[in-house]
PDB file of N, CA and C in Angstrom:
ATOM      1  N   MET A   1       0.782  -1.223  -0.056  1.00  0.00           N
ATOM      2  CA  MET A   1      -0.025  -0.109   0.002  1.00  0.00           C
ATOM      3  C   MET A   1       0.909   1.347  -0.079  1.00  0.00           C
ATOM      4  N   LYS A   2       2.012   1.242   0.677  1.00  0.00           N
ATOM      5  CA  LYS A   2       2.831   2.239   0.931  1.00  0.00           C
ATOM      6  C   LYS A   2       3.683   2.556  -0.660  1.00  0.00           C
ATOM      7  N   ARG A   3       3.745   1.406  -1.129  1.00  0.00           N
ATOM      8  CA  ARG A   3       4.609   1.557  -2.573  1.00  0.00           C
ATOM      9  C   ARG A   3       3.551   2.208  -3.394  1.00  0.00           C
ATOM     10  N   ARG A   4       2.131   1.809  -3.403  1.00  0.00           N
ATOM     11  CA  ARG A   4       1.202   2.308  -4.354  1.00  0.00           C
ATOM     12  C   ARG A   4       1.068   3.887  -3.995  1.00  0.00           C
ATOM     13  N   ARG A   5       1.083   4.151  -2.928  1.00  0.00           N
ATOM     14  CA  ARG A   5       0.790   5.699  -2.563  1.00  0.00           C
ATOM     15  C   ARG A   5       2.141   6.333  -3.127  1.00  0.00           C
ATOM     16  N   ASN A   6       3.259   5.852  -3.040  1.00  0.00           N
ATOM     17  CA  ASN A   6       4.495   6.434  -3.442  1.00  0.00           C
ATOM     18  C   ASN A   6       4.534   6.586  -4.948  1.00  0.00           C
ATOM     19  N   THR A   7       3.903   5.527  -5.733  1.00  0.00           N
ATOM     20  CA  THR A   7       4.026   5.591  -7.062  1.00  0.00           C
ATOM     21  C   THR A   7       2.967   6.632  -7.509  1.00  0.00           C
ATOM     22  N   ARG A   8       1.749   6.690  -6.852  1.00  0.00           N
ATOM     23  CA  ARG A   8       0.803   7.764  -7.154  1.00  0.00           C
ATOM     24  C   ARG A   8       1.334   9.271  -6.850  1.00  0.00           C
ATOM     25  N   ASN A   9       2.043   9.439  -5.722  1.00  0.00           N
ATOM     26  CA  ASN A   9       2.711  10.626  -5.429  1.00  0.00           C
ATOM     27  C   ASN A   9       3.729  11.053  -6.642  1.00  0.00           C
ATOM     28  N   ARG A  10       4.542   9.993  -6.780  1.00  0.00           N
ATOM     29  CA  ARG A  10       5.573  10.371  -7.991  1.00  0.00           C
ATOM     30  C   ARG A  10       4.851  10.734  -9.335  1.00  0.00           C
ATOM     31  N   ARG A  11       3.607   9.953  -9.686  1.00  0.00           N
ATOM     32  CA  ARG A  11       3.084  10.363 -11.014  1.00  0.00           C
ATOM     33  C   ARG A  11       2.473  11.904 -10.822  1.00  0.00           C
ATOM     34  N   ARG A  12       1.944  12.162  -9.838  1.00  0.00           N
ATOM     35  CA  ARG A  12       1.201  13.579  -9.587  1.00  0.00           C
ATOM     36  C   ARG A  12       2.273  14.718  -9.651  1.00  0.00           C
ATOM     37  N   ILE A  13       3.490  14.252  -9.249  1.00  0.00           N
ATOM     38  CA  ILE A  13       4.726  15.132  -9.178  1.00  0.00           C
ATOM     39  C   ILE A  13       4.906  15.272 -10.448  1.00  0.00           C
ATOM     40  N   GLN A  14       5.139  14.196 -11.360  1.00  0.00           N
ATOM     41  CA  GLN A  14       5.626  14.293 -12.786  1.00  0.00           C
ATOM     42  C   GLN A  14       4.470  14.982 -13.653  1.00  0.00           C
ATOM     43  N   LEU A  15       3.172  14.650 -13.245  1.00  0.00           N
ATOM     44  CA  LEU A  15       2.135  15.509 -14.018  1.00  0.00           C
ATOM     45  C   LEU A  15       2.245  16.820 -13.895  1.00  0.00           C
ATOM     46  N   ILE A  16       2.326  17.467 -12.615  1.00  0.00           N
ATOM     47  CA  ILE A  16       2.346  18.830 -12.231  1.00  0.00           C
ATOM     48  C   ILE A  16       3.741  19.468 -12.804  1.00  0.00           C
ATOM     49  N   ALA A  17       4.762  18.786 -12.755  1.00  0.00           N
ATOM     50  CA  ALA A  17       5.965  19.057 -13.462  1.00  0.00           C
ATOM     51  C   ALA A  17       6.116  19.492 -14.967  1.00  0.00           C
ATOM     52  N   MET A  18       5.252  18.357 -15.616  1.00  0.00           N
ATOM     53  CA  MET A  18       4.852  18.495 -17.030  1.00  0.00           C
ATOM     54  C   MET A  18       4.004  19.701 -17.272  1.00  0.00           C
ATOM     55  N   PHE A  19       3.011  19.846 -16.405  1.00  0.00           N
ATOM     56  CA  PHE A  19       2.112  20.941 -16.648  1.00  0.00           C
ATOM     57  C   PHE A  19       2.897  22.340 -16.542  1.00  0.00           C
ATOM     58  N   VAL A  20       3.736  22.379 -15.499  1.00  0.00           N
ATOM     59  CA  VAL A  20       4.450  23.768 -15.289  1.00  0.00           C
ATOM     60  C   VAL A  20       5.405  23.931 -16.457  1.00  0.00           C
ATOM     61  N   CYS A  21       5.893  22.964 -17.082  1.00  0.00           N
ATOM     62  CA  CYS A  21       6.729  22.950 -18.242  1.00  0.00           C
ATOM     63  C   CYS A  21       5.981  23.507 -19.548  1.00  0.00           C
ATOM     64  N   PHE A  22       4.785  22.856 -19.573  1.00  0.00           N
ATOM     65  CA  PHE A  22       3.901  23.283 -20.873  1.00  0.00           C
ATOM     66  C   PHE A  22       3.611  24.840 -20.603  1.00  0.00           C
ATOM     67  N   LEU A  23       3.242  25.282 -19.413  1.00  0.00           N
ATOM     68  CA  LEU A  23       2.788  26.623 -19.035  1.00  0.00           C
ATOM     69  C   LEU A  23       4.071  27.532 -19.513  1.00  0.00           C
ATOM     70  N   LEU A  24       5.185  27.060 -19.180  1.00  0.00           N
ATOM     71  CA  LEU A  24       6.628  28.082 -19.279  1.00  0.00           C
ATOM     72  C   LEU A  24       6.735  28.009 -20.842  1.00  0.00           C
ATOM     73  N   CYS A  25       6.572  27.013 -21.423  1.00  0.00           N
ATOM     74  CA  CYS A  25       6.888  26.951 -22.954  1.00  0.00           C
ATOM     75  C   CYS A  25       5.832  27.556 -23.719  1.00  0.00           C
ATOM     76  N   THR A  26       4.549  27.607 -23.320  1.00  0.00           N
ATOM     77  CA  THR A  26       3.609  28.386 -23.986  1.00  0.00           C
ATOM     78  C   THR A  26       3.841  29.748 -23.819  1.00  0.00           C
ATOM     79  N   GLY A  27       4.128  30.294 -22.420  1.00  0.00           N
ATOM     80  CA  GLY A  27       4.590  31.549 -22.143  1.00  0.00           C
ATOM     81  C   GLY A  27       5.481  32.302 -23.051  1.00  0.00           C
ATOM     82  N   PHE A  28       6.607  31.294 -23.105  1.00  0.00           N
ATOM     83  CA  PHE A  28       7.712  31.993 -24.098  1.00  0.00           C
ATOM     84  C   PHE A  28       7.320  32.077 -25.536  1.00  0.00           C
ATOM     85  N   ALA A  29       6.727  31.045 -25.878  1.00  0.00           N
ATOM     86  CA  ALA A  29       6.115  31.111 -27.271  1.00  0.00           C
ATOM     87  C   ALA A  29       5.338  32.322 -27.717  1.00  0.00           C
ATOM     88  N   VAL A  30       4.300  32.493 -26.603  1.00  0.00           N
ATOM     89  CA  VAL A  30       3.513  33.928 -27.017  1.00  0.00           C
ATOM     90  C   VAL A  30       4.319  35.192 -26.626  1.00  0.00           C
ATOM     91  N   GLN A  31       5.490  35.135 -25.783  1.00  0.00           N
ATOM     92  CA  GLN A  31       6.136  36.203 -25.806  1.00  0.00           C
ATOM     93  C   GLN A  31       6.846  36.568 -27.014  1.00  0.00           C
ATOM     94  N   ASN A  32       7.539  35.456 -27.707  1.00  0.00           N
ATOM     95  CA  ASN A  32       8.295  35.378 -28.785  1.00  0.00           C
ATOM     96  C   ASN A  32       7.577  35.841 -29.943  1.00  0.00           C
ATOM     97  N   SER A  33       6.379  35.262 -30.044  1.00  0.00           N
ATOM     98  CA  SER A  33       5.480  35.808 -30.976  1.00  0.00           C
ATOM     99  C   SER A  33       4.917  37.330 -30.999  1.00  0.00           C
ATOM    100  N   ALA A  34       4.827  37.651 -29.707  1.00  0.00           N
ATOM    101  CA  ALA A  34       4.585  39.051 -29.736  1.00  0.00           C
ATOM    102  C   ALA A  34       5.647  39.843 -30.226  1.00  0.00           C
ATOM    103  N   ARG A  35       7.028  39.563 -29.779  1.00  0.00           N
ATOM    104  CA  ARG A  35       8.138  40.380 -30.226  1.00  0.00           C
ATOM    105  C   ARG A  35       8.110  40.419 -31.735  1.00  0.00           C
ATOM    106  N   LYS A  36       8.009  39.213 -32.371  1.00  0.00           N
ATOM    107  CA  LYS A  36       8.158  39.053 -33.995  1.00  0.00           C
ATOM    108  C   LYS A  36       7.046  40.219 -34.464  1.00  0.00           C
ATOM    109  N   ILE A  37       5.823  40.083 -33.781  1.00  0.00           N
ATOM    110  CA  ILE A  37       4.850  40.999 -34.417  1.00  0.00           C
ATOM    111  C   ILE A  37       5.354  42.535 -34.320  1.00  0.00           C
ATOM    112  N   ASP A  38       5.670  42.857 -33.115  1.00  0.00           N
ATOM    113  CA  ASP A  38       6.257  44.230 -32.894  1.00  0.00           C
ATOM    114  C   ASP A  38       7.307  44.587 -33.840  1.00  0.00           C
ATOM    115  N   ALA A  39       8.282  43.696 -34.178  1.00  0.00           N
ATOM    116  CA  ALA A  39       9.380  43.980 -34.953  1.00  0.00           C
ATOM    117  C   ALA A  39       9.073  44.214 -36.455  1.00  0.00           C
ATOM    118  N   GLU A  40       7.945  43.503 -36.952  1.00  0.00           N
ATOM    119  CA  GLU A  40       7.341  43.327 -38.214  1.00  0.00           C
ATOM    120  C   GLU A  40       6.584  44.669 -38.375  1.00  0.00           C
ATOM    121  N   SER A  41       5.966  44.980 -37.188  1.00  0.00           N
ATOM    122  CA  SER A  41       5.163  46.312 -37.431  1.00  0.00           C
ATOM    123  C   SER A  41       6.065  47.533 -37.484  1.00  0.00           C
ATOM    124  N   ASP A  42       7.360  47.529 -36.944  1.00  0.00           N
ATOM    125  CA  ASP A  42       8.129  48.659 -37.199  1.00  0.00           C
ATOM    126  C   ASP A  42       8.607  48.644 -38.671  1.00  0.00           C
ATOM    127  N   LEU A  43       8.855  47.398 -39.202  1.00  0.00           N
ATOM    128  CA  LEU A  43       9.362  47.259 -40.449  1.00  0.00           C
ATOM    129  C   LEU A  43       8.474  47.550 -41.551  1.00  0.00           C
ATOM    130  N   THR A  44       7.263  47.366 -41.248  1.00  0.00           N
ATOM    131  CA  THR A  44       6.044  47.633 -42.434  1.00  0.00           C
ATOM    132  C   THR A  44       5.282  48.796 -41.937  1.00  0.00           C
ATOM    133  N   ARG A  45       6.024  49.845 -41.659  1.00  0.00           N
ATOM    134  CA  ARG A  45       5.236  51.044 -41.368  1.00  0.00           C
ATOM    135  C   ARG A  45       4.677  51.627 -42.757  1.00  0.00           C
ATOM    136  N   ILE A  46       3.512  52.071 -42.766  1.00  0.00           N
ATOM    137  CA  ILE A  46       3.054  52.437 -43.919  1.00  0.00           C
ATOM    138  C   ILE A  46       3.455  53.766 -44.545  1.00  0.00           C
ATOM    139  N   SER A  47       3.939  53.657 -45.611  1.00  0.00           N
ATOM    140  CA  SER A  47       4.661  54.858 -46.266  1.00  0.00           C
ATOM    141  C   SER A  47       3.748  55.075 -47.939  1.00  0.00           C
ATOM    142  N   TYR A  48       3.613  56.411 -48.137  1.00  0.00           N
ATOM    143  CA  TYR A  48       2.680  56.615 -49.303  1.00  0.00           C
ATOM    144  C   TYR A  48       3.898  57.311 -50.513  1.00  0.00           C
ATOM    145  N   LYS A  49       3.557  56.773 -51.629  1.00  0.00           N
ATOM    146  CA  LYS A  49       4.315  57.053 -52.621  1.00  0.00           C
ATOM    147  C   LYS A  49       3.930  58.387 -53.418  1.00  0.00           C
ATOM    148  N   TYR A  50       4.664  59.546 -53.694  1.00  0.00           N
ATOM    149  CA  TYR A  50       4.102  60.578 -54.294  1.00  0.00           C
ATOM    150  C   TYR A  50       5.151  60.981 -55.330  1.00  0.00           C
ATOM    151  N   TYR A  51       4.952  62.014 -56.022  1.00  0.00           N
ATOM    152  CA  TYR A  51       5.884  62.574 -57.252  1.00  0.00           C
ATOM    153  C   TYR A  51       5.874  63.884 -57.026  1.00  0.00           C
ATOM    154  N   LYS A  52       6.905  64.612 -57.360  1.00  0.00           N
ATOM    155  CA  LYS A  52       7.212  65.794 -57.417  1.00  0.00           C
ATOM    156  C   LYS A  52       8.050  66.410 -58.594  1.00  0.00           C
ATOM    157  N   SER A  53       7.929  67.550 -58.971  1.00  0.00           N
ATOM    158  CA  SER A  53       8.680  68.188 -60.176  1.00  0.00           C
ATOM    159  C   SER A  53       9.959  68.677 -59.758  1.00  0.00           C
ATOM    160  N   TYR A  54      11.009  68.167 -60.406  1.00  0.00           N
ATOM    161  CA  TYR A  54      12.400  68.494 -60.140  1.00  0.00           C
ATOM    162  C   TYR A  54      13.060  69.516 -61.138  1.00  0.00           C
ATOM    163  N   TYR A  55      13.578  70.770 -60.817  1.00  0.00           N
ATOM    164  CA  TYR A  55      14.110  71.472 -61.851  1.00  0.00           C
ATOM    165  C   TYR A  55      15.581  71.184 -61.824  1.00  0.00           C
ATOM    166  N   VAL A  56      16.119  70.710 -63.091  1.00  0.00           N
ATOM    167  CA  VAL A  56      17.481  70.302 -63.349  1.00  0.00           C
ATOM    168  C   VAL A  56      18.490  71.456 -63.578  1.00  0.00           C
ATOM    169  N   GLU A  57      19.326  71.538 -62.551  1.00  0.00           N
ATOM    170  CA  GLU A  57      20.323  72.784 -62.551  1.00  0.00           C
ATOM    171  C   GLU A  57      21.521  72.341 -63.353  1.00  0.00           C
ATOM    172  N   THR A  58      22.463  73.543 -63.327  1.00  0.00           N
ATOM    173  CA  THR A  58      23.671  73.093 -63.950  1.00  0.00           C
ATOM    174  C   THR A  58      24.545  71.981 -63.120  1.00  0.00           C
ATOM    175  N   GLY A  59      25.034  70.925 -63.944  1.00  0.00           N
ATOM    176  CA  GLY A  59      25.924  70.116 -62.963  1.00  0.00           C
ATOM    177  C   GLY A  59      25.041  68.911 -62.479  1.00  0.00           C
ATOM    178  N   ASP A  60      23.804  68.981 -62.622  1.00  0.00           N
ATOM    179  CA  ASP A  60      22.846  67.847 -62.135  1.00  0.00           C
ATOM    180  C   ASP A  60      23.015  66.715 -63.063  1.00  0.00           C
ATOM    181  N   SER A  61      23.046  65.319 -62.508  1.00  0.00           N
ATOM    182  CA  SER A  61      22.748  64.308 -63.309  1.00  0.00           C
ATOM    183  C   SER A  61      21.949  63.486 -62.549  1.00  0.00           C
ATOM    184  N   LEU A  62      21.490  62.266 -63.306  1.00  0.00           N
ATOM    185  CA  LEU A  62      20.582  61.460 -62.610  1.00  0.00           C
ATOM    186  C   LEU A  62      21.086  60.909 -61.469  1.00  0.00           C
ATOM    187  N   TRP A  63      22.420  60.562 -61.250  1.00  0.00           N
ATOM    188  CA  TRP A  63      23.152  60.180 -60.096  1.00  0.00           C
ATOM    189  C   TRP A  63      23.070  61.049 -58.995  1.00  0.00           C
ATOM    190  N   SER A  64      23.219  62.160 -59.184  1.00  0.00           N
ATOM    191  CA  SER A  64      23.238  63.357 -58.142  1.00  0.00           C
ATOM    192  C   SER A  64      21.770  63.603 -57.729  1.00  0.00           C
ATOM    193  N   ILE A  65      21.060  63.591 -58.580  1.00  0.00           N
ATOM    194  CA  ILE A  65      19.422  63.688 -58.214  1.00  0.00           C
ATOM    195  C   ILE A  65      19.086  62.634 -57.280  1.00  0.00           C
ATOM    196  N   ALA A  66      19.470  61.372 -57.830  1.00  0.00           N
ATOM    197  CA  ALA A  66      18.918  60.288 -56.960  1.00  0.00           C
ATOM    198  C   ALA A  66      19.797  60.078 -55.511  1.00  0.00           C
ATOM    199  N   LYS A  67      21.067  60.629 -55.493  1.00  0.00           N
ATOM    200  CA  LYS A  67      21.774  60.559 -54.309  1.00  0.00           C
ATOM    201  C   LYS A  67      20.951  61.318 -53.070  1.00  0.00           C
ATOM    202  N   GLU A  68      20.427  62.438 -53.792  1.00  0.00           N
ATOM    203  CA  GLU A  68      19.791  63.699 -52.699  1.00  0.00           C
ATOM    204  C   GLU A  68      18.211  63.164 -52.554  1.00  0.00           C
ATOM    205  N   HIS A  69      17.528  62.320 -53.322  1.00  0.00           N
ATOM    206  CA  HIS A  69      16.109  61.957 -53.102  1.00  0.00           C
ATOM    207  C   HIS A  69      15.826  60.536 -52.962  1.00  0.00           C
ATOM    208  N   ILE A  70      16.762  59.863 -52.870  1.00  0.00           N
ATOM    209  CA  ILE A  70      16.392  58.226 -52.670  1.00  0.00           C
ATOM    210  C   ILE A  70      16.114  58.156 -51.340  1.00  0.00           C
ATOM    211  N   SER A  71      15.258  57.100 -51.122  1.00  0.00           N
ATOM    212  CA  SER A  71      14.624  56.754 -49.811  1.00  0.00           C
ATOM    213  C   SER A  71      14.926  55.213 -49.557  1.00  0.00           C
ATOM    214  N   ASP A  72      14.724  54.646 -48.148  1.00  0.00           N
ATOM    215  CA  ASP A  72      14.882  53.391 -47.906  1.00  0.00           C
ATOM    216  C   ASP A  72      14.012  52.348 -48.733  1.00  0.00           C
ATOM    217  N   GLU A  73      12.974  52.734 -49.574  1.00  0.00           N
ATOM    218  CA  GLU A  73      12.040  51.839 -49.933  1.00  0.00           C
ATOM    219  C   GLU A  73      12.774  51.256 -51.354  1.00  0.00           C
ATOM    220  N   TYR A  74      13.830  51.922 -51.674  1.00  0.00           N
ATOM    221  CA  TYR A  74      14.621  51.319 -52.951  1.00  0.00           C
ATOM    222  C   TYR A  74      15.630  50.406 -52.554  1.00  0.00           C
ATOM    223  N   SER A  75      16.209  49.407 -53.013  1.00  0.00           N
ATOM    224  CA  SER A  75      16.959  48.534 -52.608  1.00  0.00           C
ATOM    225  C   SER A  75      18.505  49.194 -52.947  1.00  0.00           C
ATOM    226  N   ASP A  76      18.572  49.964 -54.003  1.00  0.00           N
ATOM    227  CA  ASP A  76      19.743  50.486 -54.454  1.00  0.00           C
ATOM    228  C   ASP A  76      19.565  51.732 -55.350  1.00  0.00           C
ATOM    229  N   ILE A  77      20.428  52.308 -55.479  1.00  0.00           N
ATOM    230  CA  ILE A  77      20.440  53.869 -56.196  1.00  0.00           C
ATOM    231  C   ILE A  77      19.860  53.447 -57.784  1.00  0.00           C
ATOM    232  N   ASN A  78      20.467  52.373 -58.301  1.00  0.00           N
ATOM    233  CA  ASN A  78      20.233  52.253 -59.754  1.00  0.00           C
ATOM    234  C   ASN A  78      18.614  51.873 -60.002  1.00  0.00           C
ATOM    235  N   GLU A  79      18.063  51.136 -59.014  1.00  0.00           N
ATOM    236  CA  GLU A  79      16.485  51.034 -58.935  1.00  0.00           C
ATOM    237  C   GLU A  79      15.928  52.397 -59.033  1.00  0.00           C
ATOM    238  N   TYR A  80      16.415  53.339 -58.192  1.00  0.00           N
ATOM    239  CA  TYR A  80      15.681  54.656 -58.264  1.00  0.00           C
ATOM    240  C   TYR A  80      15.921  55.181 -59.624  1.00  0.00           C
ATOM    241  N   ILE A  81      17.134  55.201 -60.061  1.00  0.00           N
ATOM    242  CA  ILE A  81      17.472  55.942 -61.334  1.00  0.00           C
ATOM    243  C   ILE A  81      16.658  55.287 -62.392  1.00  0.00           C
ATOM    244  N   ALA A  82      16.542  53.936 -62.495  1.00  0.00           N
ATOM    245  CA  ALA A  82      15.777  53.256 -63.459  1.00  0.00           C
ATOM    246  C   ALA A  82      14.479  53.730 -63.500  1.00  0.00           C
ATOM    247  N   GLU A  83      13.761  53.981 -62.108  1.00  0.00           N
ATOM    248  CA  GLU A  83      12.399  54.449 -62.147  1.00  0.00           C
ATOM    249  C   GLU A  83      12.258  55.944 -62.564  1.00  0.00           C
ATOM    250  N   VAL A  84      13.221  56.604 -62.269  1.00  0.00           N
ATOM    251  CA  VAL A  84      13.108  58.241 -62.784  1.00  0.00           C
ATOM    252  C   VAL A  84      13.137  58.081 -64.289  1.00  0.00           C
ATOM    253  N   LYS A  85      14.083  57.351 -65.027  1.00  0.00           N
ATOM    254  CA  LYS A  85      14.156  57.235 -66.342  1.00  0.00           C
ATOM    255  C   LYS A  85      12.813  56.635 -67.042  1.00  0.00           C
ATOM    256  N   GLN A  86      12.227  55.909 -66.276  1.00  0.00           N
ATOM    257  CA  GLN A  86      10.897  55.237 -66.894  1.00  0.00           C
ATOM    258  C   GLN A  86       9.729  56.390 -66.875  1.00  0.00           C
ATOM    259  N   ILE A  87       9.583  57.006 -65.696  1.00  0.00           N
ATOM    260  CA  ILE A  87       8.718  57.971 -65.370  1.00  0.00           C
ATOM    261  C   ILE A  87       8.767  59.081 -66.524  1.00  0.00           C
ATOM    262  N   ASN A  88       9.932  59.466 -66.634  1.00  0.00           N
ATOM    263  CA  ASN A  88      10.208  60.603 -67.650  1.00  0.00           C
ATOM    264  C   ASN A  88      10.663  60.275 -69.078  1.00  0.00           C
ATOM    265  N   HIS A  89      10.555  59.112 -69.291  1.00  0.00           N
ATOM    266  CA  HIS A  89      10.792  58.460 -70.830  1.00  0.00           C
ATOM    267  C   HIS A  89      12.426  58.869 -71.040  1.00  0.00           C
ATOM    268  N   LEU A  90      13.239  58.623 -70.403  1.00  0.00           N
ATOM    269  CA  LEU A  90      14.401  59.040 -70.766  1.00  0.00           C
ATOM    270  C   LEU A  90      15.299  57.967 -71.248  1.00  0.00           C
ATOM    271  N   GLN A  91      15.911  58.117 -72.427  1.00  0.00           N
ATOM    272  CA  GLN A  91      16.857  57.099 -73.059  1.00  0.00           C
ATOM    273  C   GLN A  91      18.063  56.857 -72.368  1.00  0.00           C
ATOM    274  N   GLY A  92      18.786  57.932 -72.345  1.00  0.00           N
ATOM    275  CA  GLY A  92      20.174  57.812 -71.702  1.00  0.00           C
ATOM    276  C   GLY A  92      20.194  58.167 -70.187  1.00  0.00           C
ATOM    277  N   ASP A  93      21.381  58.563 -69.695  1.00  0.00           N
ATOM    278  CA  ASP A  93      21.630  58.922 -68.446  1.00  0.00           C
ATOM    279  C   ASP A  93      21.846  60.484 -68.229  1.00  0.00           C
ATOM    280  N   ALA A  94      21.580  61.171 -69.366  1.00  0.00           N
ATOM    281  CA  ALA A  94      21.761  62.682 -69.212  1.00  0.00           C
ATOM    282  C   ALA A  94      20.454  63.348 -69.179  1.00  0.00           C
ATOM    283  N   VAL A  95      20.366  64.364 -68.419  1.00  0.00           N
ATOM    284  CA  VAL A  95      19.253  65.267 -68.202  1.00  0.00           C
ATOM    285  C   VAL A  95      19.675  66.639 -68.735  1.00  0.00           C
ATOM    286  N   LYS A  96      18.614  67.236 -69.302  1.00  0.00           N
ATOM    287  CA  LYS A  96      18.975  68.718 -69.809  1.00  0.00           C
ATOM    288  C   LYS A  96      18.879  69.671 -68.745  1.00  0.00           C
ATOM    289  N   GLN A  97      19.906  70.587 -68.630  1.00  0.00           N
ATOM    290  CA  GLN A  97      19.788  71.692 -67.651  1.00  0.00           C
ATOM    291  C   GLN A  97      18.587  72.576 -68.091  1.00  0.00           C
ATOM    292  N   GLY A  98      18.015  73.072 -67.115  1.00  0.00           N
ATOM    293  CA  GLY A  98      16.672  73.975 -67.251  1.00  0.00           C
ATOM    294  C   GLY A  98      15.420  73.129 -67.433  1.00  0.00           C
ATOM    295  N   SER A  99      15.540  71.701 -67.563  1.00  0.00           N
ATOM    296  CA  SER A  99      14.152  71.054 -67.695  1.00  0.00           C
ATOM    297  C   SER A  99      13.755  70.656 -66.547  1.00  0.00           C
ATOM    298  N   HIS A 100      12.494  70.241 -66.409  1.00  0.00           N
ATOM    299  CA  HIS A 100      11.795  69.734 -65.027  1.00  0.00           C
ATOM    300  C   HIS A 100      11.629  67.974 -65.417  1.00  0.00           C
ATOM    301  N   ILE A 101      12.059  67.537 -64.345  1.00  0.00           N
ATOM    302  CA  ILE A 101      11.714  65.984 -64.208  1.00  0.00           C
ATOM    303  C   ILE A 101      10.771  65.705 -63.177  1.00  0.00           C
ATOM    304  N   CYS A 102      10.055  64.643 -63.275  1.00  0.00           N
ATOM    305  CA  CYS A 102       9.148  63.987 -62.114  1.00  0.00           C
ATOM    306  C   CYS A 102      10.213  63.140 -61.518  1.00  0.00           C
ATOM    307  N   ILE A 103      10.037  63.122 -59.947  1.00  0.00           N
ATOM    308  CA  ILE A 103      10.799  62.195 -59.294  1.00  0.00           C
ATOM    309  C   ILE A 103       9.895  61.627 -58.176  1.00  0.00           C
ATOM    310  N   PRO A 104      10.055  60.318 -57.673  1.00  0.00           N
ATOM    311  CA  PRO A 104       9.197  59.886 -56.700  1.00  0.00           C
ATOM    312  C   PRO A 104       9.794  60.162 -55.369  1.00  0.00           C
ATOM    313  N   TYR A 105       9.081  60.167 -54.466  1.00  0.00           N
ATOM    314  CA  TYR A 105       9.538  60.157 -53.091  1.00  0.00           C
ATOM    315  C   TYR A 105       8.506  59.416 -52.290  1.00  0.00           C
ATOM    316  N   TYR A 106       8.764  59.109 -51.134  1.00  0.00           N
ATOM    317  CA  TYR A 106       7.892  58.478 -50.008  1.00  0.00           C
ATOM    318  C   TYR A 106       7.552  59.540 -48.731  1.00  0.00           C
ATOM    319  N   SER A 107       6.456  59.343 -48.252  1.00  0.00           N
ATOM    320  CA  SER A 107       6.204  59.922 -46.927  1.00  0.00           C
ATOM    321  C   SER A 107       5.148  59.073 -46.250  1.00  0.00           C
ATOM    322  N   MET A 108       5.488  59.300 -44.790  1.00  0.00           N
ATOM    323  CA  MET A 108       4.556  58.612 -43.805  1.00  0.00           C
ATOM    324  C   MET A 108       3.253  59.249 -43.806  1.00  0.00           C
ATOM    325  N   GLU A 109       3.213  60.416 -44.211  1.00  0.00           N
ATOM    326  CA  GLU A 109       1.848  61.344 -44.219  1.00  0.00           C
ATOM    327  C   GLU A 109       1.059  61.036 -45.358  1.00  0.00           C
ATOM    328  N   HIS A 110      -0.260  60.857 -45.247  1.00  0.00           N
ATOM    329  CA  HIS A 110      -1.160  60.733 -46.249  1.00  0.00           C
ATOM    330  C   HIS A 110      -1.561  61.992 -46.659  1.00  0.00           C
ATOM    331  N   LYS A 111      -1.402  62.365 -48.082  1.00  0.00           N
ATOM    332  CA  LYS A 111      -1.799  63.587 -48.481  1.00  0.00           C
ATOM    333  C   LYS A 111      -2.963  63.633 -49.300  1.00  0.00           C
TER     334      LYS A 111
END
């Protein structure tokens, strides 16, 4: 009878230990999931794409304009230049002094 009681007590302790481990693991999983959501929400802040007119001055090139106006939404400067060229139907890399070109930019503000 004493052996049976000891066996039951051991099983109860094991069951309680498993339950506590389950609660701890669940708590860590929920906490980790919440951290991931917070990190993703920081990365996926909503930004709006707009366009503005840019007056080409002496010495300006697509490269210098891109360096001045590129934002984090573009993977590299060549991607930005390609978009500017497409928007303005430019064939080469040269822009005419005194002309206006359309350039994209991003803003967190909805206008």
